Protein backbone atom coordinates (compact mmCIF):
# COMPACT_ATOMS: atom_id res chain seq x y z
CA MET A 1 -42.09 -48.79 -88.15
CA ALA A 2 -43.21 -52.43 -87.85
CA GLY A 3 -46.92 -53.04 -88.32
CA SER A 4 -47.65 -49.45 -89.41
CA HIS A 5 -49.26 -50.25 -92.78
CA TRP A 6 -52.71 -49.19 -91.62
CA TYR A 7 -51.16 -45.90 -90.47
CA GLU A 8 -49.31 -45.39 -93.74
CA THR A 9 -52.41 -46.06 -95.81
CA LEU A 10 -54.54 -43.49 -94.00
CA LEU A 11 -51.71 -41.05 -93.17
CA ARG A 12 -52.45 -41.23 -89.45
CA TYR A 13 -49.04 -40.36 -88.07
CA TYR A 14 -46.22 -37.83 -88.13
CA ASN A 15 -42.59 -38.93 -88.12
CA ILE A 16 -41.15 -36.05 -86.09
CA LYS A 17 -38.54 -35.25 -83.49
CA VAL A 18 -39.59 -35.42 -79.85
CA ASP A 19 -36.85 -34.75 -77.28
CA ASN A 20 -34.33 -34.65 -80.15
CA LYS A 21 -35.24 -38.17 -81.20
CA LYS A 22 -37.24 -39.22 -84.24
CA THR A 23 -40.46 -41.04 -83.42
CA TRP A 24 -43.83 -41.87 -84.94
CA VAL A 25 -46.62 -39.82 -83.36
CA PRO A 26 -50.15 -40.96 -84.25
CA LEU A 27 -52.95 -38.62 -85.27
CA LEU A 28 -56.06 -39.78 -83.46
CA PRO A 29 -59.71 -38.82 -83.82
CA GLY A 30 -60.89 -36.63 -80.96
CA TYR A 31 -57.62 -34.79 -80.54
CA THR A 32 -58.47 -31.10 -79.94
CA ILE A 33 -56.56 -27.93 -79.06
CA TYR A 34 -57.39 -24.26 -78.66
CA THR A 35 -54.71 -21.79 -79.72
CA THR A 36 -54.23 -18.26 -80.99
CA PHE A 37 -52.81 -16.97 -84.23
CA GLY A 38 -52.42 -13.24 -84.36
CA ASN A 39 -55.34 -11.95 -82.31
CA ASN A 40 -57.75 -14.68 -83.32
CA ILE A 41 -58.73 -17.73 -81.29
CA PHE A 42 -58.74 -21.04 -83.17
CA LYS A 43 -59.97 -24.52 -82.41
CA LEU A 44 -58.13 -27.31 -84.25
CA PHE A 45 -59.37 -30.85 -83.96
CA ILE A 46 -59.31 -34.24 -85.70
CA LYS A 47 -62.34 -36.36 -86.39
CA PHE A 48 -63.09 -39.52 -88.33
CA ASN A 49 -65.26 -39.65 -91.46
CA ASN A 50 -67.05 -43.01 -91.28
CA GLN A 51 -68.41 -42.71 -94.79
CA GLU A 52 -65.06 -42.09 -96.44
CA GLN A 53 -63.06 -43.99 -93.81
CA GLU A 54 -60.58 -41.16 -93.41
CA LEU A 55 -59.43 -38.56 -90.92
CA LEU A 56 -60.75 -35.03 -91.22
CA PHE A 57 -58.61 -32.14 -90.00
CA SER A 58 -61.02 -29.45 -88.87
CA TRP A 59 -60.55 -25.87 -87.67
CA VAL A 60 -62.76 -23.07 -86.39
CA ASP A 61 -61.93 -19.34 -86.20
CA PHE A 62 -63.74 -17.67 -83.28
CA GLY A 63 -62.32 -14.20 -83.94
CA VAL A 64 -60.82 -12.02 -81.24
CA ASP A 65 -63.55 -12.15 -78.59
CA GLU A 66 -62.46 -14.78 -76.07
CA ASN A 67 -65.78 -14.44 -74.26
CA ASN A 68 -67.76 -15.45 -77.32
CA LEU A 69 -66.86 -18.89 -78.67
CA SER A 70 -70.35 -19.71 -79.90
CA THR A 71 -70.34 -17.78 -83.15
CA PRO A 72 -67.36 -18.75 -85.35
CA ILE A 73 -66.42 -16.46 -88.21
CA ALA A 74 -64.90 -19.20 -90.35
CA SER A 75 -64.38 -23.00 -90.38
CA ASP A 76 -63.43 -25.90 -92.60
CA SER A 77 -62.87 -29.67 -92.48
CA GLN A 78 -60.65 -31.52 -94.95
CA SER A 79 -58.52 -34.65 -95.11
CA ASP A 80 -55.46 -32.51 -95.81
CA ARG A 81 -53.63 -32.32 -92.47
CA PHE A 82 -54.77 -28.75 -91.82
CA GLN A 83 -53.56 -27.39 -95.18
CA SER A 84 -56.88 -25.56 -95.57
CA PHE A 85 -56.13 -23.86 -92.27
CA VAL A 86 -52.65 -22.83 -93.49
CA GLN A 87 -54.17 -21.37 -96.66
CA TYR A 88 -56.78 -19.51 -94.61
CA PHE A 89 -54.32 -18.13 -92.08
CA LYS A 90 -51.61 -17.33 -94.66
CA PRO A 91 -48.64 -17.20 -92.27
CA GLN A 92 -45.40 -15.52 -93.18
CA GLY A 93 -42.97 -18.30 -93.89
CA LYS A 94 -43.43 -21.98 -93.25
CA ILE A 95 -45.61 -23.30 -90.46
CA SER A 96 -45.06 -26.60 -88.64
CA ILE A 97 -48.33 -28.45 -88.16
CA PRO A 98 -46.90 -30.83 -85.48
CA ASN A 99 -45.63 -27.79 -83.57
CA THR A 100 -48.92 -25.93 -84.11
CA ILE A 101 -51.08 -28.76 -82.73
CA GLY A 102 -48.55 -29.60 -80.01
CA ILE A 103 -47.88 -33.25 -80.81
CA ASN A 104 -44.12 -32.65 -80.56
CA ILE A 105 -44.53 -31.95 -76.83
CA THR A 106 -43.22 -34.90 -74.83
CA SER A 107 -46.27 -35.43 -72.61
CA ILE A 108 -48.75 -35.11 -75.51
CA SER A 109 -46.70 -37.37 -77.75
CA LYS A 110 -46.52 -40.01 -75.02
CA MET A 111 -50.26 -39.76 -74.39
CA LEU A 112 -51.07 -40.32 -78.08
CA LYS A 113 -48.60 -43.20 -78.43
CA THR A 114 -49.93 -44.84 -75.28
CA CYS A 115 -53.44 -44.85 -76.73
CA VAL A 116 -52.17 -46.73 -79.77
CA TYR A 117 -49.93 -48.98 -77.67
CA LYS A 118 -52.90 -50.35 -75.73
CA LYS A 119 -54.27 -51.85 -78.95
CA TYR A 120 -51.04 -52.37 -80.90
CA PRO A 121 -48.19 -52.99 -78.39
CA GLY A 122 -45.77 -53.94 -81.14
CA LEU A 123 -45.76 -50.39 -82.49
CA TYR A 124 -44.25 -48.83 -79.37
CA PRO A 125 -42.21 -51.42 -77.42
CA GLU A 126 -40.44 -48.58 -75.58
CA LEU A 127 -43.72 -47.93 -73.75
CA LEU A 128 -43.85 -51.41 -72.25
CA ILE A 129 -43.51 -50.17 -68.68
CA PHE A 130 -45.66 -47.04 -68.85
CA PRO A 131 -49.19 -48.49 -69.16
CA LYS A 132 -48.66 -50.77 -66.17
CA ALA A 133 -47.18 -47.95 -64.13
CA LYS A 134 -50.05 -45.70 -65.14
CA GLU A 135 -52.65 -48.27 -64.12
CA GLU A 136 -50.87 -48.71 -60.79
CA MET A 137 -50.84 -44.95 -60.26
CA GLU A 138 -54.54 -44.68 -61.10
CA LYS A 139 -55.37 -47.41 -58.58
CA ILE A 140 -53.32 -45.69 -55.89
CA ILE A 141 -54.96 -42.33 -56.57
CA GLU A 142 -58.44 -43.89 -56.32
CA THR A 143 -57.48 -45.55 -53.04
CA VAL A 144 -56.09 -42.27 -51.68
CA LYS A 145 -59.26 -40.45 -52.66
CA LYS A 146 -61.49 -42.97 -50.88
CA LYS A 147 -59.37 -42.93 -47.74
CA SER A 148 -59.17 -39.13 -47.75
CA LYS A 149 -62.96 -38.93 -47.79
CA ARG A 150 -63.18 -41.23 -44.77
CA LEU A 151 -60.48 -39.24 -43.01
CA LYS A 152 -62.31 -35.99 -43.69
CA LEU A 153 -65.48 -37.42 -42.14
CA GLU A 154 -63.53 -38.55 -39.08
CA LEU A 155 -61.97 -35.11 -38.68
CA GLN A 156 -65.37 -33.46 -39.01
CA SER A 157 -66.73 -35.72 -36.31
CA THR A 158 -64.11 -34.51 -33.78
CA SER A 159 -64.84 -31.55 -31.52
CA ASN A 160 -61.92 -29.41 -32.73
CA GLY A 161 -61.33 -30.86 -36.21
CA GLU A 162 -58.02 -32.37 -35.14
CA MET A 163 -56.70 -35.85 -34.49
CA VAL A 164 -53.45 -37.76 -34.17
CA ARG A 165 -52.93 -41.00 -36.06
CA GLU A 166 -49.70 -42.98 -36.27
CA GLY A 167 -47.96 -40.03 -34.62
CA ILE A 168 -49.18 -37.60 -37.32
CA HIS A 169 -51.14 -34.48 -36.40
CA MET A 170 -54.09 -34.11 -38.77
CA THR A 171 -56.40 -31.10 -39.12
CA ASN A 172 -59.29 -29.99 -41.29
CA ASP A 173 -57.25 -27.14 -42.73
CA ALA A 174 -54.39 -29.33 -43.92
CA GLN A 175 -52.29 -27.75 -46.64
CA SER A 176 -52.10 -29.35 -50.06
CA VAL A 177 -48.74 -30.58 -51.32
CA SER A 178 -47.18 -30.25 -54.75
CA LEU A 179 -47.17 -33.10 -57.23
CA GLU A 180 -43.43 -33.61 -56.67
CA ASN A 181 -43.93 -33.94 -52.90
CA PHE A 182 -46.77 -36.39 -53.50
CA TYR A 183 -44.50 -38.52 -55.69
CA VAL A 184 -41.79 -38.50 -53.01
CA VAL A 185 -44.20 -39.66 -50.31
CA LEU A 186 -45.77 -42.22 -52.63
CA SER A 187 -42.43 -43.69 -53.73
CA GLU A 188 -41.26 -43.99 -50.11
CA TYR A 189 -44.57 -45.62 -49.17
CA LYS A 190 -44.21 -48.12 -52.03
CA GLN A 191 -40.64 -48.85 -50.99
CA VAL A 192 -41.63 -49.52 -47.38
CA LYS A 193 -44.59 -51.62 -48.53
CA LYS A 194 -42.30 -53.69 -50.75
CA GLN A 195 -39.84 -54.21 -47.89
CA LEU A 196 -42.71 -55.31 -45.65
CA TYR A 197 -43.94 -57.69 -48.33
CA ASN A 198 -40.48 -59.21 -48.75
CA ALA A 199 -40.09 -59.51 -44.97
CA ASN A 200 -43.42 -61.32 -44.70
CA ARG A 201 -42.40 -63.69 -47.47
CA GLN A 202 -39.12 -64.39 -45.68
CA ILE A 203 -40.98 -65.03 -42.42
CA LYS A 204 -43.35 -67.39 -44.21
CA ARG A 205 -40.45 -69.33 -45.73
CA LEU A 206 -38.74 -69.57 -42.34
CA LYS A 207 -41.95 -70.86 -40.74
CA ILE A 208 -42.26 -73.50 -43.44
CA GLN A 209 -38.64 -74.57 -42.90
CA ARG A 210 -39.15 -74.60 -39.13
CA ASP A 211 -42.28 -76.78 -39.43
CA ARG A 212 -40.45 -79.10 -41.81
CA TYR A 213 -37.56 -79.48 -39.35
CA ILE A 214 -39.99 -80.11 -36.49
CA ASP A 215 -41.84 -82.74 -38.53
CA ASP A 216 -38.57 -84.40 -39.55
CA ASP A 217 -37.39 -84.44 -35.93
CA GLU A 218 -40.68 -85.90 -34.72
CA ASN A 219 -40.63 -88.49 -37.50
CA GLU A 220 -37.05 -89.40 -36.61
CA ASN A 221 -37.95 -89.76 -32.94
CA ASN A 222 -41.03 -91.79 -33.86
CA ASN A 223 -38.96 -93.96 -36.17
CA ASN A 224 -36.35 -94.48 -33.45
CA ASP A 225 -39.10 -95.39 -30.97
CA GLU A 226 -40.66 -97.77 -33.47
CA GLU A 227 -37.29 -99.37 -34.22
CA GLU A 228 -36.55 -99.80 -30.52
CA LEU A 229 -40.02 -101.29 -29.95
CA LEU A 230 -39.63 -103.64 -32.89
CA LEU A 231 -36.17 -104.73 -31.73
CA LYS A 232 -37.42 -105.35 -28.19
CA THR A 233 -40.42 -107.32 -29.49
CA MET A 234 -38.20 -109.42 -31.71
CA GLN A 235 -35.85 -110.08 -28.82
CA ASP A 236 -38.77 -111.08 -26.61
CA MET A 237 -40.15 -113.35 -29.31
CA LYS A 238 -36.75 -114.86 -29.85
CA LYS A 239 -36.30 -115.37 -26.15
CA LYS A 240 -39.75 -116.94 -25.79
CA ALA A 241 -39.38 -119.12 -28.88
CA GLU A 242 -35.71 -120.02 -28.40
CA LEU A 243 -35.19 -123.78 -28.53
CA GLY A 244 -32.83 -125.83 -26.34
CA LEU A 245 -30.69 -128.03 -28.58
CA THR A 246 -28.84 -131.18 -27.50
CA LEU A 247 -26.68 -133.20 -29.91
CA LEU A 248 -25.72 -136.73 -28.90
CA ILE A 249 -23.17 -138.74 -30.96
CA THR A 250 -22.52 -142.36 -30.02
CA GLY A 251 -20.30 -144.21 -32.46
CA PHE A 252 -22.04 -143.93 -35.82
CA SER A 253 -25.35 -143.01 -34.26
CA ILE A 254 -26.38 -139.32 -34.23
CA LYS A 255 -29.36 -138.17 -32.18
CA ILE A 256 -30.68 -134.57 -32.01
CA ILE A 257 -32.89 -133.57 -29.09
CA ILE A 258 -34.80 -130.23 -29.35
CA VAL A 259 -36.52 -128.88 -26.23
CA CYS A 260 -38.93 -125.89 -26.54
CA GLN A 261 -38.40 -123.64 -23.53
CA VAL A 262 -41.98 -122.39 -23.73
CA CYS A 263 -44.03 -125.56 -23.88
CA LYS A 264 -41.25 -127.98 -22.81
CA THR A 265 -42.00 -130.18 -25.82
CA ILE A 266 -39.20 -132.55 -26.68
CA LYS A 267 -38.52 -133.66 -30.24
CA GLU A 268 -35.89 -136.22 -31.21
CA PHE A 269 -34.31 -136.76 -34.62
CA SER A 270 -31.90 -139.62 -35.44
CA ASN A 271 -30.03 -140.99 -38.46
CA GLU A 272 -30.99 -144.50 -37.47
CA LEU A 273 -34.02 -146.28 -38.93
CA THR A 274 -36.62 -147.73 -36.60
CA ASN A 275 -35.42 -150.96 -34.83
CA MET A 276 -31.94 -150.49 -36.25
CA ASN A 277 -28.78 -149.83 -34.30
CA PHE A 278 -25.85 -148.62 -36.41
CA ASN A 279 -23.31 -149.56 -33.76
CA THR A 280 -24.58 -153.18 -33.59
CA CYS A 281 -24.61 -153.42 -37.38
CA ILE A 282 -21.08 -152.17 -37.66
CA ALA A 283 -19.93 -154.50 -34.89
CA ASN A 284 -21.54 -157.53 -36.54
CA ALA A 285 -20.10 -156.50 -39.89
CA GLY A 286 -16.69 -156.38 -38.32
CA LEU A 287 -17.05 -159.81 -36.75
CA THR A 288 -18.26 -161.25 -40.02
CA GLY A 289 -15.51 -159.65 -42.03
CA GLY A 290 -12.81 -161.22 -39.85
CA PRO A 291 -13.53 -164.90 -40.75
CA ILE A 292 -14.07 -163.93 -44.40
CA ARG A 293 -10.70 -162.30 -44.62
CA SER A 294 -9.18 -165.36 -42.82
CA ALA A 295 -10.75 -167.71 -45.35
CA HIS A 296 -9.21 -165.91 -48.28
CA THR A 297 -5.71 -165.94 -46.76
């Protein structure tokens, strides 16, 4: 048993069979039972000796009078796992202490192990689910108690002690149900509550998806509108700023005339320098070249 050294040192457990399966059952201070041996009534309990730092296994013999448990006829307290009790009682044959104090009973064994599990979870990993389920059950029971008190006050405030709620006829003299019936109703309630919770989560997710689709659609429409507006603006600007272009070519002379359609401004660009005419120059060069060529022939 992992992590059980502090148990082994102080002998605070029994390794016994519970439900035909070996398990470690702790012996805890405060554990108490009343039982009978022969005709006598006994109290067996465990307490802790702070001075010696050990468990004490105590017993009290109250005799045969069940109406008088205030005057014991014998008692003892030792760290011997009730061996002093065995010697006092002197049973015929062997006696099982775990069976005598009831720690081999499933519910008692689970209760004792759960107490240890809360502080040392590693000792009983098989109990992982039980503490949470127990806490949940305790919360539900407290809620039911509070609501039943309010319901009782409401019924008392009616003229005939009767009322109908959610289609259920309720009266002051309502019959109690067994624990099994309570578990059935509770489990069905939890199942319906879980289904409602899951349905609400699904609805929430669908709403988020719907809102996202709506936002995307609106953004797409807005983007399309903005693109159309931008395109129209650019076309208008282009139309307003579009320039009229005229290209004139005369011989070797090139002249570009740009007319702005907005302000009607005219700009001219030419490949000729100021006061120079390419056509005249070329013509003169041709005339001059003729005599030169003639002179060389």
